[in-house]
């Protein structure tokens, strides 16, 4: 397989959940040229990684003419294999075009694939496991060396005490997945009294969610609007414990494999999107908003997470 095309769009969380699949593809096809069809906003992120050689832009909000012209350019590339890690209605259409205009083999869970993975009902496997199961159909096994050191960066802050990293925000559409910020603040104050340093990360839009934490503690490392993926990952590497909603930055922090407390709704979507690993500790409820701060404190005490 001299030339391989990977297709992957989605949210930041979707991208992070697919990293083990990217690492496995690169390890198996180490001599191949690997192209990625994705949105331009992810180019900088993937350029830091060892997984991708070339990028092809495909933005979801492009007008039809621009999008079609990009697809025409794709057909001039003589790919040997196309791996659809997005597995969406959109990529079903792509698969049809590839079947008509290219001779490449297509691995996907969507129609028109040569090698098709049958996804079980939602909640029966995680996204990460599902993508790896899909790759098994083409002989790709999970890489034994999922090294994310390429994400690490030097931090300005000196971490002189045990660090608790808190990720209180969610996307604009994700309010139903957000544990209340004042409860995060209760956890932060409790840990600060145990001599922990507290750090919050998030985007500019997460300022309101971080404010109760900042106000309740004597000192907080405030990285709101200063926390790209590499900063989140590097802070997570330094953290003794991490608290997060079901959100993309939380998935990044989970890559550090330190104690990770995930507060989320108990449903099939959560079961599919949860991070994997023994370091992940789930606290779930039919509504995440019903989880009490006292319950979280009792949980981390019982499991000796701090």
C-alpha atoms as a PDB file:
ATOM      1  CA  UNK A   1       0.000   0.000   0.000  1.00  0.00           C
ATOM      2  CA  UNK A   2       2.046   2.935  -1.274  1.00  0.00           C
ATOM      3  CA  UNK A   3      -0.597   5.640  -0.810  1.00  0.00           C
ATOM      4  CA  UNK A   4      -3.276   5.609   1.866  1.00  0.00           C
ATOM      5  CA  UNK A   5      -6.078   8.112   2.445  1.00  0.00           C
ATOM      6  CA  UNK A   6      -7.609   8.451   5.920  1.00  0.00           C
ATOM      7  CA  UNK A   7     -10.886  10.320   6.292  1.00  0.00           C
ATOM      8  CA  UNK A   8     -11.629  11.917   9.652  1.00  0.00           C
ATOM      9  CA  UNK A   9     -13.756  14.959  10.519  1.00  0.00           C
ATOM     10  CA  UNK A  10     -15.810  15.655  13.628  1.00  0.00           C
ATOM     11  CA  UNK A  11     -15.283  17.469  16.899  1.00  0.00           C
ATOM     12  CA  UNK A  12     -12.010  17.717  18.797  1.00  0.00           C
ATOM     13  CA  UNK A  13     -13.202  14.897  21.044  1.00  0.00           C
ATOM     14  CA  UNK A  14     -13.854  12.717  17.986  1.00  0.00           C
ATOM     15  CA  UNK A  15     -10.328  13.387  16.750  1.00  0.00           C
ATOM     16  CA  UNK A  16      -8.764  12.475  20.111  1.00  0.00           C
ATOM     17  CA  UNK A  17     -10.790   9.251  20.343  1.00  0.00           C
ATOM     18  CA  UNK A  18      -9.360   8.235  16.958  1.00  0.00           C
ATOM     19  CA  UNK A  19      -5.687   8.775  17.858  1.00  0.00           C
ATOM     20  CA  UNK A  20      -5.072   5.132  18.787  1.00  0.00           C
ATOM     21  CA  UNK A  21      -6.354   4.204  15.315  1.00  0.00           C
ATOM     22  CA  UNK A  22      -4.019   6.751  13.685  1.00  0.00           C
ATOM     23  CA  UNK A  23      -1.068   5.412  15.689  1.00  0.00           C
ATOM     24  CA  UNK A  24      -1.904   1.844  14.675  1.00  0.00           C
ATOM     25  CA  UNK A  25      -2.216   2.699  10.969  1.00  0.00           C
ATOM     26  CA  UNK A  26       1.137   4.499  11.024  1.00  0.00           C
ATOM     27  CA  UNK A  27       2.843   1.592  12.827  1.00  0.00           C
ATOM     28  CA  UNK A  28       1.465  -0.999  10.384  1.00  0.00           C
ATOM     29  CA  UNK A  29       1.969   1.002   7.184  1.00  0.00           C
ATOM     30  CA  UNK A  30       5.267   2.560   8.262  1.00  0.00           C
ATOM     31  CA  UNK A  31       6.629   2.802   4.702  1.00  0.00           C
ATOM     32  CA  UNK A  32       3.457   4.173   3.118  1.00  0.00           C
ATOM     33  CA  UNK A  33       2.579   7.757   2.278  1.00  0.00           C
ATOM     34  CA  UNK A  34      -0.427   8.619   4.423  1.00  0.00           C
ATOM     35  CA  UNK A  35      -2.830  11.395   3.482  1.00  0.00           C
ATOM     36  CA  UNK A  36      -5.535  12.833   5.735  1.00  0.00           C
ATOM     37  CA  UNK A  37      -8.802  14.315   4.490  1.00  0.00           C
ATOM     38  CA  UNK A  38     -10.021  16.607   7.274  1.00  0.00           C
ATOM     39  CA  UNK A  39     -10.973  20.152   8.183  1.00  0.00           C
ATOM     40  CA  UNK A  40      -8.262  22.780   7.912  1.00  0.00           C
ATOM     41  CA  UNK A  41      -8.546  23.633  11.618  1.00  0.00           C
ATOM     42  CA  UNK A  42      -6.962  20.265  12.469  1.00  0.00           C
ATOM     43  CA  UNK A  43      -3.890  20.658  10.232  1.00  0.00           C
ATOM     44  CA  UNK A  44      -1.721  22.295  12.922  1.00  0.00           C
ATOM     45  CA  UNK A  45      -2.626  19.593  15.439  1.00  0.00           C
ATOM     46  CA  UNK A  46      -1.800  16.684  13.138  1.00  0.00           C
ATOM     47  CA  UNK A  47       1.346  18.298  11.736  1.00  0.00           C
ATOM     48  CA  UNK A  48       2.886  17.840  15.187  1.00  0.00           C
ATOM     49  CA  UNK A  49       2.140  14.131  15.080  1.00  0.00           C
ATOM     50  CA  UNK A  50       4.111  11.385  13.301  1.00  0.00           C
ATOM     51  CA  UNK A  51       0.971   9.913  11.737  1.00  0.00           C
ATOM     52  CA  UNK A  52       0.313  11.998   8.616  1.00  0.00           C
ATOM     53  CA  UNK A  53       2.486  12.924   5.632  1.00  0.00           C
ATOM     54  CA  UNK A  54       0.086  15.020   3.543  1.00  0.00           C
ATOM     55  CA  UNK A  55      -3.155  16.916   4.174  1.00  0.00           C
ATOM     56  CA  UNK A  56      -6.229  17.460   2.025  1.00  0.00           C
ATOM     57  CA  UNK A  57      -8.657  20.148   3.122  1.00  0.00           C
ATOM     58  CA  UNK A  58     -12.345  19.279   3.465  1.00  0.00           C
ATOM     59  CA  UNK A  59     -14.353  21.795   5.490  1.00  0.00           C
ATOM     60  CA  UNK A  60     -17.906  20.928   6.388  1.00  0.00           C
ATOM     61  CA  UNK A  61     -19.221  24.467   5.857  1.00  0.00           C
ATOM     62  CA  UNK A  62     -17.737  24.954   2.387  1.00  0.00           C
ATOM     63  CA  UNK A  63     -20.019  25.807  -0.498  1.00  0.00           C
ATOM     64  CA  UNK A  64     -20.869  22.942  -2.831  1.00  0.00           C
ATOM     65  CA  UNK A  65     -18.727  24.183  -5.733  1.00  0.00           C
ATOM     66  CA  UNK A  66     -15.556  24.486  -3.630  1.00  0.00           C
ATOM     67  CA  UNK A  67     -16.203  21.125  -2.035  1.00  0.00           C
ATOM     68  CA  UNK A  68     -16.772  19.448  -5.397  1.00  0.00           C
ATOM     69  CA  UNK A  69     -13.564  20.923  -6.833  1.00  0.00           C
ATOM     70  CA  UNK A  70     -11.623  19.437  -3.927  1.00  0.00           C
ATOM     71  CA  UNK A  71     -13.141  16.009  -4.630  1.00  0.00           C
ATOM     72  CA  UNK A  72     -12.096  16.243  -8.266  1.00  0.00           C
ATOM     73  CA  UNK A  73      -8.478  16.739  -7.142  1.00  0.00           C
ATOM     74  CA  UNK A  74      -8.788  13.645  -4.946  1.00  0.00           C
ATOM     75  CA  UNK A  75      -9.606  11.498  -7.960  1.00  0.00           C
ATOM     76  CA  UNK A  76      -6.278  12.380  -9.544  1.00  0.00           C
ATOM     77  CA  UNK A  77      -4.456  10.727  -6.640  1.00  0.00           C
ATOM     78  CA  UNK A  78      -3.828   7.024  -7.124  1.00  0.00           C
ATOM     79  CA  UNK A  79      -4.632   5.776  -3.638  1.00  0.00           C
ATOM     80  CA  UNK A  80      -4.242   2.091  -2.885  1.00  0.00           C
ATOM     81  CA  UNK A  81      -6.348   2.128   0.276  1.00  0.00           C
ATOM     82  CA  UNK A  82      -8.963   4.446   1.764  1.00  0.00           C
ATOM     83  CA  UNK A  83      -9.694   4.151   5.486  1.00  0.00           C
ATOM     84  CA  UNK A  84     -12.880   5.887   6.582  1.00  0.00           C
ATOM     85  CA  UNK A  85     -12.558   6.684  10.295  1.00  0.00           C
ATOM     86  CA  UNK A  86     -15.500   9.078  10.183  1.00  0.00           C
ATOM     87  CA  UNK A  87     -18.138   6.529   9.149  1.00  0.00           C
ATOM     88  CA  UNK A  88     -20.896   9.076   8.534  1.00  0.00           C
ATOM     89  CA  UNK A  89     -23.612   9.701   5.965  1.00  0.00           C
ATOM     90  CA  UNK A  90     -21.234  12.167   4.362  1.00  0.00           C
ATOM     91  CA  UNK A  91     -18.546   9.535   3.892  1.00  0.00           C
ATOM     92  CA  UNK A  92     -21.104   7.155   2.379  1.00  0.00           C
ATOM     93  CA  UNK A  93     -21.333   9.647  -0.474  1.00  0.00           C
ATOM     94  CA  UNK A  94     -17.537   9.838  -0.660  1.00  0.00           C
ATOM     95  CA  UNK A  95     -17.321   6.058  -0.798  1.00  0.00           C
ATOM     96  CA  UNK A  96     -19.694   5.988  -3.743  1.00  0.00           C
ATOM     97  CA  UNK A  97     -17.569   8.515  -5.638  1.00  0.00           C
ATOM     98  CA  UNK A  98     -14.388   6.607  -4.808  1.00  0.00           C
ATOM     99  CA  UNK A  99     -15.933   3.348  -6.067  1.00  0.00           C
ATOM    100  CA  UNK A 100     -16.778   5.030  -9.362  1.00  0.00           C
ATOM    101  CA  UNK A 101     -13.590   7.007  -9.987  1.00  0.00           C
ATOM    102  CA  UNK A 102     -10.831   5.155  -8.093  1.00  0.00           C
ATOM    103  CA  UNK A 103      -9.552   1.605  -7.900  1.00  0.00           C
ATOM    104  CA  UNK A 104      -8.578   1.885  -4.217  1.00  0.00           C
ATOM    105  CA  UNK A 105      -9.918  -0.551  -1.657  1.00  0.00           C
ATOM    106  CA  UNK A 106     -12.240   1.152   0.846  1.00  0.00           C
ATOM    107  CA  UNK A 107     -12.478   0.174   4.526  1.00  0.00           C
ATOM    108  CA  UNK A 108     -15.522   1.725   6.208  1.00  0.00           C
ATOM    109  CA  UNK A 109     -18.668   0.925   8.150  1.00  0.00           C
ATOM    110  CA  UNK A 110     -20.748   2.794   5.586  1.00  0.00           C
ATOM    111  CA  UNK A 111     -22.256   1.614   2.271  1.00  0.00           C
ATOM    112  CA  UNK A 112     -20.095   1.155  -0.853  1.00  0.00           C
ATOM    113  CA  UNK A 113     -17.077  -0.071   1.121  1.00  0.00           C
ATOM    114  CA  UNK A 114     -15.134  -3.101  -0.124  1.00  0.00           C
ATOM    115  CA  UNK A 115     -14.276  -4.036   3.463  1.00  0.00           C
ATOM    116  CA  UNK A 116     -17.171  -3.111   5.715  1.00  0.00           C
ATOM    117  CA  UNK A 117     -17.245  -3.137   9.496  1.00  0.00           C
ATOM    118  CA  UNK A 118     -20.621  -3.745  11.118  1.00  0.00           C
ATOM    119  CA  UNK A 119     -20.903  -1.367  14.053  1.00  0.00           C
ATOM    120  CA  UNK A 120     -22.791  -2.899  17.026  1.00  0.00           C
ATOM    121  CA  UNK A 121     -25.585  -1.007  18.742  1.00  0.00           C
ATOM    122  CA  UNK A 122     -24.420   2.241  20.329  1.00  0.00           C
ATOM    123  CA  UNK A 123     -22.981   1.728  23.783  1.00  0.00           C
ATOM    124  CA  UNK A 124     -21.727  -1.815  23.206  1.00  0.00           C
ATOM    125  CA  UNK A 125     -18.238  -0.632  22.294  1.00  0.00           C
ATOM    126  CA  UNK A 126     -16.334   2.613  22.688  1.00  0.00           C
ATOM    127  CA  UNK A 127     -15.491   4.754  19.672  1.00  0.00           C
ATOM    128  CA  UNK A 128     -11.798   3.968  20.100  1.00  0.00           C
ATOM    129  CA  UNK A 129     -12.383   0.212  20.326  1.00  0.00           C
ATOM    130  CA  UNK A 130     -14.749   0.293  17.365  1.00  0.00           C
ATOM    131  CA  UNK A 131     -12.212   1.972  15.099  1.00  0.00           C
ATOM    132  CA  UNK A 132      -9.559  -0.552  16.142  1.00  0.00           C
ATOM    133  CA  UNK A 133     -11.984  -3.410  15.469  1.00  0.00           C
ATOM    134  CA  UNK A 134     -12.614  -1.915  12.034  1.00  0.00           C
ATOM    135  CA  UNK A 135      -8.875  -1.833  11.335  1.00  0.00           C
ATOM    136  CA  UNK A 136      -8.526  -5.508  12.241  1.00  0.00           C
ATOM    137  CA  UNK A 137     -10.444  -6.281   9.029  1.00  0.00           C
ATOM    138  CA  UNK A 138      -7.427  -5.058   7.035  1.00  0.00           C
ATOM    139  CA  UNK A 139      -4.874  -6.696   9.306  1.00  0.00           C
ATOM    140  CA  UNK A 140      -3.993  -3.621  11.368  1.00  0.00           C
ATOM    141  CA  UNK A 141      -3.448  -4.455  15.033  1.00  0.00           C
ATOM    142  CA  UNK A 142      -3.390  -1.952  17.864  1.00  0.00           C
ATOM    143  CA  UNK A 143       0.013  -0.352  18.156  1.00  0.00           C
ATOM    144  CA  UNK A 144       1.930  -1.380  21.252  1.00  0.00           C
ATOM    145  CA  UNK A 145       3.547   2.049  21.354  1.00  0.00           C
ATOM    146  CA  UNK A 146       0.930   4.786  21.550  1.00  0.00           C
ATOM    147  CA  UNK A 147       3.370   7.571  22.325  1.00  0.00           C
ATOM    148  CA  UNK A 148       1.866  11.047  22.601  1.00  0.00           C
ATOM    149  CA  UNK A 149       5.077  12.836  23.530  1.00  0.00           C
ATOM    150  CA  UNK A 150       4.681  14.851  20.312  1.00  0.00           C
ATOM    151  CA  UNK A 151       1.870  16.685  22.119  1.00  0.00           C
ATOM    152  CA  UNK A 152       4.053  17.744  25.031  1.00  0.00           C
ATOM    153  CA  UNK A 153       5.263  21.329  25.439  1.00  0.00           C
ATOM    154  CA  UNK A 154       7.260  23.241  28.023  1.00  0.00           C
ATOM    155  CA  UNK A 155       5.107  24.908  30.658  1.00  0.00           C
ATOM    156  CA  UNK A 156       5.762  28.362  32.097  1.00  0.00           C
ATOM    157  CA  UNK A 157       4.290  27.414  35.452  1.00  0.00           C
ATOM    158  CA  UNK A 158       6.367  25.741  38.161  1.00  0.00           C
ATOM    159  CA  UNK A 159       4.440  22.852  39.671  1.00  0.00           C
ATOM    160  CA  UNK A 160       5.725  22.674  43.253  1.00  0.00           C
ATOM    161  CA  UNK A 161       2.761  20.878  44.858  1.00  0.00           C
ATOM    162  CA  UNK A 162       0.391  18.075  43.793  1.00  0.00           C
ATOM    163  CA  UNK A 163      -1.664  19.436  40.912  1.00  0.00           C
ATOM    164  CA  UNK A 164      -5.422  19.061  40.362  1.00  0.00           C
ATOM    165  CA  UNK A 165      -6.483  19.890  36.805  1.00  0.00           C
ATOM    166  CA  UNK A 166     -10.123  20.927  36.365  1.00  0.00           C
ATOM    167  CA  UNK A 167     -11.942  21.176  33.023  1.00  0.00           C
ATOM    168  CA  UNK A 168     -15.303  22.799  33.863  1.00  0.00           C
ATOM    169  CA  UNK A 169     -16.509  23.931  30.433  1.00  0.00           C
ATOM    170  CA  UNK A 170     -18.427  22.290  27.598  1.00  0.00           C
ATOM    171  CA  UNK A 171     -19.295  23.232  24.038  1.00  0.00           C
ATOM    172  CA  UNK A 172     -22.124  25.690  23.389  1.00  0.00           C
ATOM    173  CA  UNK A 173     -24.480  22.817  22.616  1.00  0.00           C
ATOM    174  CA  UNK A 174     -23.288  20.668  25.509  1.00  0.00           C
ATOM    175  CA  UNK A 175     -24.913  22.319  28.539  1.00  0.00           C
ATOM    176  CA  UNK A 176     -26.832  19.125  29.287  1.00  0.00           C
ATOM    177  CA  UNK A 177     -23.449  17.390  29.741  1.00  0.00           C
ATOM    178  CA  UNK A 178     -22.016  19.988  32.134  1.00  0.00           C
ATOM    179  CA  UNK A 179     -21.551  19.357  35.833  1.00  0.00           C
ATOM    180  CA  UNK A 180     -22.361  22.596  37.598  1.00  0.00           C
ATOM    181  CA  UNK A 181     -19.344  24.919  37.971  1.00  0.00           C
ATOM    182  CA  UNK A 182     -20.085  25.642  41.648  1.00  0.00           C
ATOM    183  CA  UNK A 183     -19.646  21.926  42.352  1.00  0.00           C
ATOM    184  CA  UNK A 184     -16.265  21.925  40.613  1.00  0.00           C
ATOM    185  CA  UNK A 185     -15.460  24.868  42.905  1.00  0.00           C
ATOM    186  CA  UNK A 186     -16.314  22.786  45.992  1.00  0.00           C
ATOM    187  CA  UNK A 187     -13.929  20.059  44.824  1.00  0.00           C
ATOM    188  CA  UNK A 188     -11.227  22.625  44.096  1.00  0.00           C
ATOM    189  CA  UNK A 189     -11.534  24.198  47.556  1.00  0.00           C
ATOM    190  CA  UNK A 190     -11.436  20.783  49.215  1.00  0.00           C
ATOM    191  CA  UNK A 191      -8.222  19.837  47.396  1.00  0.00           C
ATOM    192  CA  UNK A 192      -6.620  23.221  47.980  1.00  0.00           C
ATOM    193  CA  UNK A 193      -7.127  22.666  51.705  1.00  0.00           C
ATOM    194  CA  UNK A 194      -5.146  19.433  51.222  1.00  0.00           C
ATOM    195  CA  UNK A 195      -2.248  21.499  49.841  1.00  0.00           C
ATOM    196  CA  UNK A 196      -3.027  20.947  46.148  1.00  0.00           C
ATOM    197  CA  UNK A 197      -2.364  23.449  43.402  1.00  0.00           C
ATOM    198  CA  UNK A 198      -5.504  24.035  41.312  1.00  0.00           C
ATOM    199  CA  UNK A 199      -5.460  24.645  37.558  1.00  0.00           C
ATOM    200  CA  UNK A 200      -8.359  25.350  35.196  1.00  0.00           C
ATOM    201  CA  UNK A 201      -8.229  25.090  31.403  1.00  0.00           C
ATOM    202  CA  UNK A 202     -10.656  25.950  28.647  1.00  0.00           C
ATOM    203  CA  UNK A 203     -11.517  28.378  25.878  1.00  0.00           C
ATOM    204  CA  UNK A 204     -12.587  32.015  26.156  1.00  0.00           C
ATOM    205  CA  UNK A 205     -16.188  30.791  26.271  1.00  0.00           C
ATOM    206  CA  UNK A 206     -15.416  28.822  29.448  1.00  0.00           C
ATOM    207  CA  UNK A 207     -14.594  31.905  31.551  1.00  0.00           C
ATOM    208  CA  UNK A 208     -17.997  31.861  33.227  1.00  0.00           C
ATOM    209  CA  UNK A 209     -17.612  28.180  34.100  1.00  0.00           C
ATOM    210  CA  UNK A 210     -14.168  28.750  35.607  1.00  0.00           C
ATOM    211  CA  UNK A 211     -15.123  31.817  37.661  1.00  0.00           C
ATOM    212  CA  UNK A 212     -16.612  29.965  40.687  1.00  0.00           C
ATOM    213  CA  UNK A 213     -13.403  27.924  40.977  1.00  0.00           C
ATOM    214  CA  UNK A 214     -11.201  31.006  40.760  1.00  0.00           C
ATOM    215  CA  UNK A 215     -13.278  32.846  43.369  1.00  0.00           C
ATOM    216  CA  UNK A 216     -13.433  29.948  45.826  1.00  0.00           C
ATOM    217  CA  UNK A 217      -9.675  29.253  45.960  1.00  0.00           C
ATOM    218  CA  UNK A 218      -6.804  31.360  47.248  1.00  0.00           C
ATOM    219  CA  UNK A 219      -4.729  30.755  44.134  1.00  0.00           C
ATOM    220  CA  UNK A 220      -5.634  29.163  40.793  1.00  0.00           C
ATOM    221  CA  UNK A 221      -3.454  28.641  37.741  1.00  0.00           C
ATOM    222  CA  UNK A 222      -5.858  30.176  35.256  1.00  0.00           C
ATOM    223  CA  UNK A 223      -5.232  28.863  31.726  1.00  0.00           C
ATOM    224  CA  UNK A 224      -8.596  29.870  30.298  1.00  0.00           C
ATOM    225  CA  UNK A 225      -8.038  30.952  26.697  1.00  0.00           C
ATOM    226  CA  UNK A 226      -4.411  29.824  27.052  1.00  0.00           C
ATOM    227  CA  UNK A 227      -4.834  26.087  26.748  1.00  0.00           C
ATOM    228  CA  UNK A 228      -4.382  24.594  23.279  1.00  0.00           C
ATOM    229  CA  UNK A 229      -4.173  20.776  23.164  1.00  0.00           C
ATOM    230  CA  UNK A 230      -0.442  20.645  23.881  1.00  0.00           C
ATOM    231  CA  UNK A 231      -0.848  22.757  27.057  1.00  0.00           C
ATOM    232  CA  UNK A 232      -3.769  20.645  28.297  1.00  0.00           C
ATOM    233  CA  UNK A 233      -1.812  17.445  27.702  1.00  0.00           C
ATOM    234  CA  UNK A 234       1.339  18.798  29.361  1.00  0.00           C
ATOM    235  CA  UNK A 235      -0.585  20.003  32.418  1.00  0.00           C
ATOM    236  CA  UNK A 236      -2.326  16.617  32.605  1.00  0.00           C
ATOM    237  CA  UNK A 237       1.075  14.914  32.638  1.00  0.00           C
ATOM    238  CA  UNK A 238       1.936  16.963  35.731  1.00  0.00           C
ATOM    239  CA  UNK A 239      -1.408  16.350  37.443  1.00  0.00           C
ATOM    240  CA  UNK A 240      -2.075  13.941  40.267  1.00  0.00           C
ATOM    241  CA  UNK A 241      -5.813  14.078  39.554  1.00  0.00           C
ATOM    242  CA  UNK A 242      -7.982  15.466  36.730  1.00  0.00           C
ATOM    243  CA  UNK A 243     -11.711  16.304  36.769  1.00  0.00           C
ATOM    244  CA  UNK A 244     -13.666  16.768  33.557  1.00  0.00           C
ATOM    245  CA  UNK A 245     -17.049  16.848  31.890  1.00  0.00           C
ATOM    246  CA  UNK A 246     -17.659  14.821  28.731  1.00  0.00           C
ATOM    247  CA  UNK A 247     -15.774  17.235  26.476  1.00  0.00           C
ATOM    248  CA  UNK A 248     -12.912  17.340  23.967  1.00  0.00           C
ATOM    249  CA  UNK A 249     -10.312  18.895  26.294  1.00  0.00           C
ATOM    250  CA  UNK A 250     -11.104  16.137  28.780  1.00  0.00           C
ATOM    251  CA  UNK A 251     -10.259  13.512  26.181  1.00  0.00           C
ATOM    252  CA  UNK A 252      -6.924  15.257  25.602  1.00  0.00           C
ATOM    253  CA  UNK A 253      -6.158  15.248  29.338  1.00  0.00           C
ATOM    254  CA  UNK A 254      -7.029  11.562  29.535  1.00  0.00           C
ATOM    255  CA  UNK A 255      -4.144  10.756  27.172  1.00  0.00           C
ATOM    256  CA  UNK A 256      -1.744  11.514  30.047  1.00  0.00           C
ATOM    257  CA  UNK A 257      -3.028   8.385  31.852  1.00  0.00           C
ATOM    258  CA  UNK A 258      -3.109  10.010  35.289  1.00  0.00           C
ATOM    259  CA  UNK A 259      -6.104   9.671  37.623  1.00  0.00           C
ATOM    260  CA  UNK A 260      -8.989  10.980  35.551  1.00  0.00           C
ATOM    261  CA  UNK A 261     -12.449  11.538  37.071  1.00  0.00           C
ATOM    262  CA  UNK A 262     -15.079  11.710  34.353  1.00  0.00           C
ATOM    263  CA  UNK A 263     -18.449  13.225  35.304  1.00  0.00           C
ATOM    264  CA  UNK A 264     -21.104  12.382  32.748  1.00  0.00           C
ATOM    265  CA  UNK A 265     -24.658  11.360  31.942  1.00  0.00           C
ATOM    266  CA  UNK A 266     -25.304   7.641  32.113  1.00  0.00           C
ATOM    267  CA  UNK A 267     -26.476   6.729  28.601  1.00  0.00           C
ATOM    268  CA  UNK A 268     -25.393   4.925  25.438  1.00  0.00           C
ATOM    269  CA  UNK A 269     -23.675   8.023  24.035  1.00  0.00           C
ATOM    270  CA  UNK A 270     -21.540   8.303  27.163  1.00  0.00           C
ATOM    271  CA  UNK A 271     -20.650   4.610  27.067  1.00  0.00           C
ATOM    272  CA  UNK A 272     -19.542   4.987  23.450  1.00  0.00           C
ATOM    273  CA  UNK A 273     -17.517   8.165  23.985  1.00  0.00           C
ATOM    274  CA  UNK A 274     -15.840   7.376  27.294  1.00  0.00           C
ATOM    275  CA  UNK A 275     -12.043   7.410  27.467  1.00  0.00           C
ATOM    276  CA  UNK A 276     -10.434   4.022  28.020  1.00  0.00           C
ATOM    277  CA  UNK A 277      -7.907   2.819  30.585  1.00  0.00           C
ATOM    278  CA  UNK A 278      -7.540   1.862  34.225  1.00  0.00           C
ATOM    279  CA  UNK A 279      -6.809   5.503  35.040  1.00  0.00           C
ATOM    280  CA  UNK A 280     -10.352   6.535  34.020  1.00  0.00           C
ATOM    281  CA  UNK A 281     -12.829   6.716  36.917  1.00  0.00           C
ATOM    282  CA  UNK A 282     -16.420   7.316  35.868  1.00  0.00           C
ATOM    283  CA  UNK A 283     -19.024   8.979  38.055  1.00  0.00           C
ATOM    284  CA  UNK A 284     -22.295   8.731  36.169  1.00  0.00           C
ATOM    285  CA  UNK A 285     -25.936   9.624  36.738  1.00  0.00           C
ATOM    286  CA  UNK A 286     -29.039   9.704  34.557  1.00  0.00           C
ATOM    287  CA  UNK A 287     -28.412  13.445  34.741  1.00  0.00           C
ATOM    288  CA  UNK A 288     -24.872  14.594  35.487  1.00  0.00           C
ATOM    289  CA  UNK A 289     -26.374  17.567  37.309  1.00  0.00           C
ATOM    290  CA  UNK A 290     -27.694  15.236  40.028  1.00  0.00           C
ATOM    291  CA  UNK A 291     -24.176  14.217  41.101  1.00  0.00           C
ATOM    292  CA  UNK A 292     -23.259  15.887  44.389  1.00  0.00           C
ATOM    293  CA  UNK A 293     -19.850  17.327  45.197  1.00  0.00           C
ATOM    294  CA  UNK A 294     -19.969  15.274  48.409  1.00  0.00           C
ATOM    295  CA  UNK A 295     -20.374  12.113  46.310  1.00  0.00           C
ATOM    296  CA  UNK A 296     -17.283  12.977  44.265  1.00  0.00           C
ATOM    297  CA  UNK A 297     -15.224  13.660  47.384  1.00  0.00           C
ATOM    298  CA  UNK A 298     -16.357  10.351  48.879  1.00  0.00           C
ATOM    299  CA  UNK A 299     -15.464   8.586  45.619  1.00  0.00           C
ATOM    300  CA  UNK A 300     -11.929   9.943  45.412  1.00  0.00           C
ATOM    301  CA  UNK A 301     -11.387   9.138  49.103  1.00  0.00           C
ATOM    302  CA  UNK A 302     -12.635   5.575  48.706  1.00  0.00           C
ATOM    303  CA  UNK A 303     -10.491   4.962  45.629  1.00  0.00           C
ATOM    304  CA  UNK A 304      -7.439   6.767  47.077  1.00  0.00           C
ATOM    305  CA  UNK A 305      -7.101   8.997  44.030  1.00  0.00           C
ATOM    306  CA  UNK A 306      -5.360  11.891  45.767  1.00  0.00           C
END
